[in-house]
Amino acid sequence: LKAGNMVIATKGLLNVLSGKTTLLEMIKRANIAIKNMNLKMLTMCLSLVNIKNGVLAYTSAGMPPILIFRKKSGEVESHIIKAMPLGAVSDFPYSMEEIEFGSGDVLVIMSDGLMELFNGENEMWGMTSIHSVLCNTGTENAEKILSAILESAEKWRGETALKDDLTLVVVKQEE
């Protein structure tokens, strides 16, 4: 119930702030709001992204790196903003990064459940595997990239039960 209340409150706050302030201000205000809810040891990880005019603005609170496949080079970049989850520290100094996001580039945002996926031998799938799939499929459309990552992850996992949530978003800049 506490987690559900936190999600509802955060979604409402982000809806009110959306378009009226920067991503950095949004994440700072969400942090204060969650901290003020006084939910004790409950925190929230969150990434906010805005893509406009070839620039990707990005801020994060406790989330794994975002990945960017560069169409021109065929390489994958990893961008991380190390920060506390929302609600952990009321005056945490969150930051924002602006990254060039060109024609044909691909953005991958994920929860830690994807890279920390375990197989039957208790081995972790890891970032190297995600990078590899993205390098091999980055020229495809977003839906095919998403499917390829999930199919590869499921093949790796086999019959092993999920131990964490698995969330994945893939965005491709129009060419």
C-alpha atoms as a PDB file:
ATOM      1  CA  LEU A   1       0.000   0.000   0.000  1.00  0.00           C
ATOM      2  CA  LYS A   2       2.836   2.418   0.857  1.00  0.00           C
ATOM      3  CA  ALA A   3       4.588   1.750  -2.452  1.00  0.00           C
ATOM      4  CA  GLY A   4       1.344   2.246  -4.364  1.00  0.00           C
ATOM      5  CA  ASN A   5       0.706   5.542  -2.610  1.00  0.00           C
ATOM      6  CA  MET A   6       4.237   6.667  -3.457  1.00  0.00           C
ATOM      7  CA  VAL A   7       3.759   5.844  -7.148  1.00  0.00           C
ATOM      8  CA  ILE A   8       0.377   7.607  -7.305  1.00  0.00           C
ATOM      9  CA  ALA A   9       1.742  10.715  -5.571  1.00  0.00           C
ATOM     10  CA  THR A  10       4.848  10.817  -7.776  1.00  0.00           C
ATOM     11  CA  LYS A  11       2.869  10.363 -11.006  1.00  0.00           C
ATOM     12  CA  GLY A  12       0.529  13.163  -9.966  1.00  0.00           C
ATOM     13  CA  LEU A  13       3.409  15.473  -9.086  1.00  0.00           C
ATOM     14  CA  LEU A  14       5.245  14.747 -12.348  1.00  0.00           C
ATOM     15  CA  ASN A  15       2.030  15.372 -14.327  1.00  0.00           C
ATOM     16  CA  VAL A  16       1.602  18.767 -12.637  1.00  0.00           C
ATOM     17  CA  LEU A  17       5.259  19.735 -13.195  1.00  0.00           C
ATOM     18  CA  SER A  18       5.599  18.336 -16.727  1.00  0.00           C
ATOM     19  CA  GLY A  19       6.231  21.093 -19.261  1.00  0.00           C
ATOM     20  CA  LYS A  20       6.404  23.741 -16.552  1.00  0.00           C
ATOM     21  CA  THR A  21       9.928  23.122 -15.250  1.00  0.00           C
ATOM     22  CA  THR A  22      13.185  21.316 -16.023  1.00  0.00           C
ATOM     23  CA  LEU A  23      13.773  17.608 -15.494  1.00  0.00           C
ATOM     24  CA  LEU A  24      16.239  18.459 -12.748  1.00  0.00           C
ATOM     25  CA  GLU A  25      13.690  20.567 -10.871  1.00  0.00           C
ATOM     26  CA  MET A  26      11.082  17.812 -11.330  1.00  0.00           C
ATOM     27  CA  ILE A  27      13.303  15.143  -9.781  1.00  0.00           C
ATOM     28  CA  LYS A  28      14.306  17.430  -6.909  1.00  0.00           C
ATOM     29  CA  ARG A  29      10.669  18.253  -6.114  1.00  0.00           C
ATOM     30  CA  ALA A  30       9.653  14.580  -6.368  1.00  0.00           C
ATOM     31  CA  ASN A  31      12.452  13.709  -3.948  1.00  0.00           C
ATOM     32  CA  ILE A  32      11.273  16.261  -1.392  1.00  0.00           C
ATOM     33  CA  ALA A  33       7.635  15.185  -1.781  1.00  0.00           C
ATOM     34  CA  ILE A  34       8.470  11.511  -1.206  1.00  0.00           C
ATOM     35  CA  LYS A  35      10.751  12.319   1.724  1.00  0.00           C
ATOM     36  CA  ASN A  36       7.952  14.420   3.272  1.00  0.00           C
ATOM     37  CA  MET A  37       5.503  11.495   2.938  1.00  0.00           C
ATOM     38  CA  ASN A  38       7.537   9.945   5.775  1.00  0.00           C
ATOM     39  CA  LEU A  39       7.224   6.384   4.507  1.00  0.00           C
ATOM     40  CA  LYS A  40      10.248   5.303   6.548  1.00  0.00           C
ATOM     41  CA  MET A  41      12.572   2.959   4.615  1.00  0.00           C
ATOM     42  CA  LEU A  42      10.633   3.217   1.334  1.00  0.00           C
ATOM     43  CA  THR A  43      12.356   4.952  -1.606  1.00  0.00           C
ATOM     44  CA  MET A  44      11.837   5.119  -5.376  1.00  0.00           C
ATOM     45  CA  CYS A  45      14.253   4.820  -8.282  1.00  0.00           C
ATOM     46  CA  LEU A  46      13.407   6.961 -11.297  1.00  0.00           C
ATOM     47  CA  SER A  47      14.865   8.223 -14.576  1.00  0.00           C
ATOM     48  CA  LEU A  48      13.485  11.205 -16.462  1.00  0.00           C
ATOM     49  CA  VAL A  49      14.326  11.809 -20.126  1.00  0.00           C
ATOM     50  CA  ASN A  50      13.338  14.517 -22.586  1.00  0.00           C
ATOM     51  CA  ILE A  51      14.401  14.407 -26.243  1.00  0.00           C
ATOM     52  CA  LYS A  52      14.079  17.653 -28.181  1.00  0.00           C
ATOM     53  CA  ASN A  53      15.921  19.112 -31.179  1.00  0.00           C
ATOM     54  CA  GLY A  54      18.584  16.392 -31.229  1.00  0.00           C
ATOM     55  CA  VAL A  55      19.400  16.715 -27.523  1.00  0.00           C
ATOM     56  CA  LEU A  56      18.585  14.128 -24.891  1.00  0.00           C
ATOM     57  CA  ALA A  57      18.211  15.635 -21.409  1.00  0.00           C
ATOM     58  CA  TYR A  58      18.542  13.013 -18.683  1.00  0.00           C
ATOM     59  CA  THR A  59      18.372  12.835 -14.898  1.00  0.00           C
ATOM     60  CA  SER A  60      18.235   9.856 -12.599  1.00  0.00           C
ATOM     61  CA  ALA A  61      17.672   8.783  -9.015  1.00  0.00           C
ATOM     62  CA  GLY A  62      19.163   5.366  -8.297  1.00  0.00           C
ATOM     63  CA  MET A  63      18.707   3.891 -11.770  1.00  0.00           C
ATOM     64  CA  PRO A  64      21.161   1.872 -13.898  1.00  0.00           C
ATOM     65  CA  PRO A  65      22.958   3.559 -16.796  1.00  0.00           C
ATOM     66  CA  ILE A  66      21.089   4.506 -19.925  1.00  0.00           C
ATOM     67  CA  LEU A  67      22.543   3.117 -23.141  1.00  0.00           C
ATOM     68  CA  ILE A  68      22.824   4.936 -26.459  1.00  0.00           C
ATOM     69  CA  PHE A  69      23.548   3.094 -29.688  1.00  0.00           C
ATOM     70  CA  ARG A  70      25.199   5.463 -32.153  1.00  0.00           C
ATOM     71  CA  LYS A  71      24.138   4.787 -35.716  1.00  0.00           C
ATOM     72  CA  LYS A  72      27.188   6.545 -37.192  1.00  0.00           C
ATOM     73  CA  SER A  73      29.768   4.462 -35.309  1.00  0.00           C
ATOM     74  CA  GLY A  74      27.776   1.325 -34.487  1.00  0.00           C
ATOM     75  CA  GLU A  75      28.973   1.619 -30.886  1.00  0.00           C
ATOM     76  CA  VAL A  76      27.102   1.674 -27.572  1.00  0.00           C
ATOM     77  CA  GLU A  77      27.667   4.399 -24.993  1.00  0.00           C
ATOM     78  CA  SER A  78      26.787   3.998 -21.337  1.00  0.00           C
ATOM     79  CA  HIS A  79      25.716   7.088 -19.368  1.00  0.00           C
ATOM     80  CA  ILE A  80      25.152   6.961 -15.624  1.00  0.00           C
ATOM     81  CA  ILE A  81      24.183   9.585 -13.116  1.00  0.00           C
ATOM     82  CA  LYS A  82      25.027   8.257  -9.679  1.00  0.00           C
ATOM     83  CA  ALA A  83      22.337   9.446  -7.293  1.00  0.00           C
ATOM     84  CA  MET A  84      20.287   8.313  -4.323  1.00  0.00           C
ATOM     85  CA  PRO A  85      16.753   6.970  -4.870  1.00  0.00           C
ATOM     86  CA  LEU A  86      13.954   9.469  -4.294  1.00  0.00           C
ATOM     87  CA  GLY A  87      13.007   9.887  -0.652  1.00  0.00           C
ATOM     88  CA  ALA A  88      16.365   8.747   0.741  1.00  0.00           C
ATOM     89  CA  VAL A  89      17.988  12.158   1.413  1.00  0.00           C
ATOM     90  CA  SER A  90      15.901  15.342   1.351  1.00  0.00           C
ATOM     91  CA  ASP A  91      18.608  17.662   0.009  1.00  0.00           C
ATOM     92  CA  PHE A  92      20.481  15.279  -2.302  1.00  0.00           C
ATOM     93  CA  PRO A  93      22.304  17.214  -5.095  1.00  0.00           C
ATOM     94  CA  TYR A  94      20.724  15.587  -8.170  1.00  0.00           C
ATOM     95  CA  SER A  95      22.216  16.455 -11.556  1.00  0.00           C
ATOM     96  CA  MET A  96      21.202  16.420 -15.203  1.00  0.00           C
ATOM     97  CA  GLU A  97      23.149  15.521 -18.333  1.00  0.00           C
ATOM     98  CA  GLU A  98      22.519  16.697 -21.889  1.00  0.00           C
ATOM     99  CA  ILE A  99      23.631  14.327 -24.636  1.00  0.00           C
ATOM    100  CA  GLU A 100      23.567  14.691 -28.408  1.00  0.00           C
ATOM    101  CA  PHE A 101      20.953  12.325 -29.839  1.00  0.00           C
ATOM    102  CA  GLY A 102      21.209  12.152 -33.622  1.00  0.00           C
ATOM    103  CA  SER A 103      19.395  10.577 -36.513  1.00  0.00           C
ATOM    104  CA  GLY A 104      19.122   6.799 -36.135  1.00  0.00           C
ATOM    105  CA  ASP A 105      20.502   6.782 -32.576  1.00  0.00           C
ATOM    106  CA  VAL A 106      18.818   4.441 -30.070  1.00  0.00           C
ATOM    107  CA  LEU A 107      18.145   5.017 -26.367  1.00  0.00           C
ATOM    108  CA  VAL A 108      17.719   2.096 -23.946  1.00  0.00           C
ATOM    109  CA  ILE A 109      16.414   2.713 -20.417  1.00  0.00           C
ATOM    110  CA  MET A 110      16.161  -0.280 -18.093  1.00  0.00           C
ATOM    111  CA  SER A 111      15.602  -1.348 -14.528  1.00  0.00           C
ATOM    112  CA  ASP A 112      18.361  -3.254 -12.772  1.00  0.00           C
ATOM    113  CA  GLY A 113      16.323  -6.441 -13.187  1.00  0.00           C
ATOM    114  CA  LEU A 114      17.511  -6.776 -16.793  1.00  0.00           C
ATOM    115  CA  MET A 115      21.250  -6.696 -16.196  1.00  0.00           C
ATOM    116  CA  GLU A 116      20.895  -8.637 -12.934  1.00  0.00           C
ATOM    117  CA  LEU A 117      18.958 -11.456 -14.598  1.00  0.00           C
ATOM    118  CA  PHE A 118      20.180 -14.884 -13.449  1.00  0.00           C
ATOM    119  CA  ASN A 119      20.296 -18.199 -15.321  1.00  0.00           C
ATOM    120  CA  GLY A 120      20.157 -21.762 -13.965  1.00  0.00           C
ATOM    121  CA  GLU A 121      23.870 -21.666 -13.070  1.00  0.00           C
ATOM    122  CA  ASN A 122      23.263 -18.529 -10.971  1.00  0.00           C
ATOM    123  CA  GLU A 123      25.264 -16.390 -13.429  1.00  0.00           C
ATOM    124  CA  MET A 124      24.208 -12.818 -14.099  1.00  0.00           C
ATOM    125  CA  TRP A 125      23.350 -11.740 -17.670  1.00  0.00           C
ATOM    126  CA  GLY A 126      25.141  -8.374 -17.246  1.00  0.00           C
ATOM    127  CA  MET A 127      25.700  -5.191 -19.209  1.00  0.00           C
ATOM    128  CA  THR A 128      28.065  -6.844 -21.695  1.00  0.00           C
ATOM    129  CA  SER A 129      25.215  -9.030 -22.959  1.00  0.00           C
ATOM    130  CA  ILE A 130      22.890  -6.045 -23.353  1.00  0.00           C
ATOM    131  CA  HIS A 131      25.603  -4.098 -25.206  1.00  0.00           C
ATOM    132  CA  SER A 132      26.163  -7.057 -27.534  1.00  0.00           C
ATOM    133  CA  VAL A 133      22.486  -7.404 -28.464  1.00  0.00           C
ATOM    134  CA  LEU A 134      22.189  -3.642 -28.963  1.00  0.00           C
ATOM    135  CA  CYS A 135      25.276  -3.550 -31.208  1.00  0.00           C
ATOM    136  CA  ASN A 136      23.836  -6.365 -33.331  1.00  0.00           C
ATOM    137  CA  THR A 137      20.326  -4.885 -33.635  1.00  0.00           C
ATOM    138  CA  GLY A 138      20.817  -1.112 -33.301  1.00  0.00           C
ATOM    139  CA  THR A 139      20.019  -0.430 -36.949  1.00  0.00           C
ATOM    140  CA  GLU A 140      16.587  -2.110 -36.626  1.00  0.00           C
ATOM    141  CA  ASN A 141      13.432  -0.303 -35.476  1.00  0.00           C
ATOM    142  CA  ALA A 142      12.752   0.165 -31.750  1.00  0.00           C
ATOM    143  CA  GLU A 143      10.232  -2.681 -31.577  1.00  0.00           C
ATOM    144  CA  LYS A 144      12.685  -5.184 -33.088  1.00  0.00           C
ATOM    145  CA  ILE A 145      15.491  -4.013 -30.786  1.00  0.00           C
ATOM    146  CA  LEU A 146      13.232  -4.379 -27.749  1.00  0.00           C
ATOM    147  CA  SER A 147      12.133  -7.857 -28.857  1.00  0.00           C
ATOM    148  CA  ALA A 148      15.711  -8.963 -29.519  1.00  0.00           C
ATOM    149  CA  ILE A 149      16.881  -7.842 -26.067  1.00  0.00           C
ATOM    150  CA  LEU A 150      13.962  -9.552 -24.327  1.00  0.00           C
ATOM    151  CA  GLU A 151      14.318 -12.754 -26.386  1.00  0.00           C
ATOM    152  CA  SER A 152      18.037 -12.946 -25.644  1.00  0.00           C
ATOM    153  CA  ALA A 153      17.404 -12.312 -21.936  1.00  0.00           C
ATOM    154  CA  GLU A 154      14.692 -14.982 -21.786  1.00  0.00           C
ATOM    155  CA  LYS A 155      16.919 -17.481 -23.565  1.00  0.00           C
ATOM    156  CA  TRP A 156      19.678 -16.740 -21.036  1.00  0.00           C
ATOM    157  CA  ARG A 157      17.313 -17.067 -18.073  1.00  0.00           C
ATOM    158  CA  GLY A 158      15.766 -20.321 -19.257  1.00  0.00           C
ATOM    159  CA  GLU A 159      13.450 -21.777 -16.620  1.00  0.00           C
ATOM    160  CA  THR A 160      14.941 -19.698 -13.782  1.00  0.00           C
ATOM    161  CA  ALA A 161      12.326 -17.559 -12.037  1.00  0.00           C
ATOM    162  CA  LEU A 162      12.639 -13.776 -12.164  1.00  0.00           C
ATOM    163  CA  LYS A 163      14.109 -12.411  -8.922  1.00  0.00           C
ATOM    164  CA  ASP A 164      13.413  -8.734  -9.663  1.00  0.00           C
ATOM    165  CA  ASP A 165      11.211  -6.575 -11.853  1.00  0.00           C
ATOM    166  CA  LEU A 166      12.293  -6.249 -15.472  1.00  0.00           C
ATOM    167  CA  THR A 167      11.468  -2.956 -17.186  1.00  0.00           C
ATOM    168  CA  LEU A 168      12.834  -1.896 -20.559  1.00  0.00           C
ATOM    169  CA  VAL A 169      12.184   1.110 -22.815  1.00  0.00           C
ATOM    170  CA  VAL A 170      13.701   1.504 -26.291  1.00  0.00           C
ATOM    171  CA  VAL A 171      13.468   4.768 -28.267  1.00  0.00           C
ATOM    172  CA  LYS A 172      14.896   5.320 -31.746  1.00  0.00           C
ATOM    173  CA  GLN A 173      15.419   8.790 -33.206  1.00  0.00           C
ATOM    174  CA  GLU A 174      13.814   9.109 -36.624  1.00  0.00           C
ATOM    175  CA  GLU A 175      16.168   9.002 -39.563  1.00  0.00           C
END
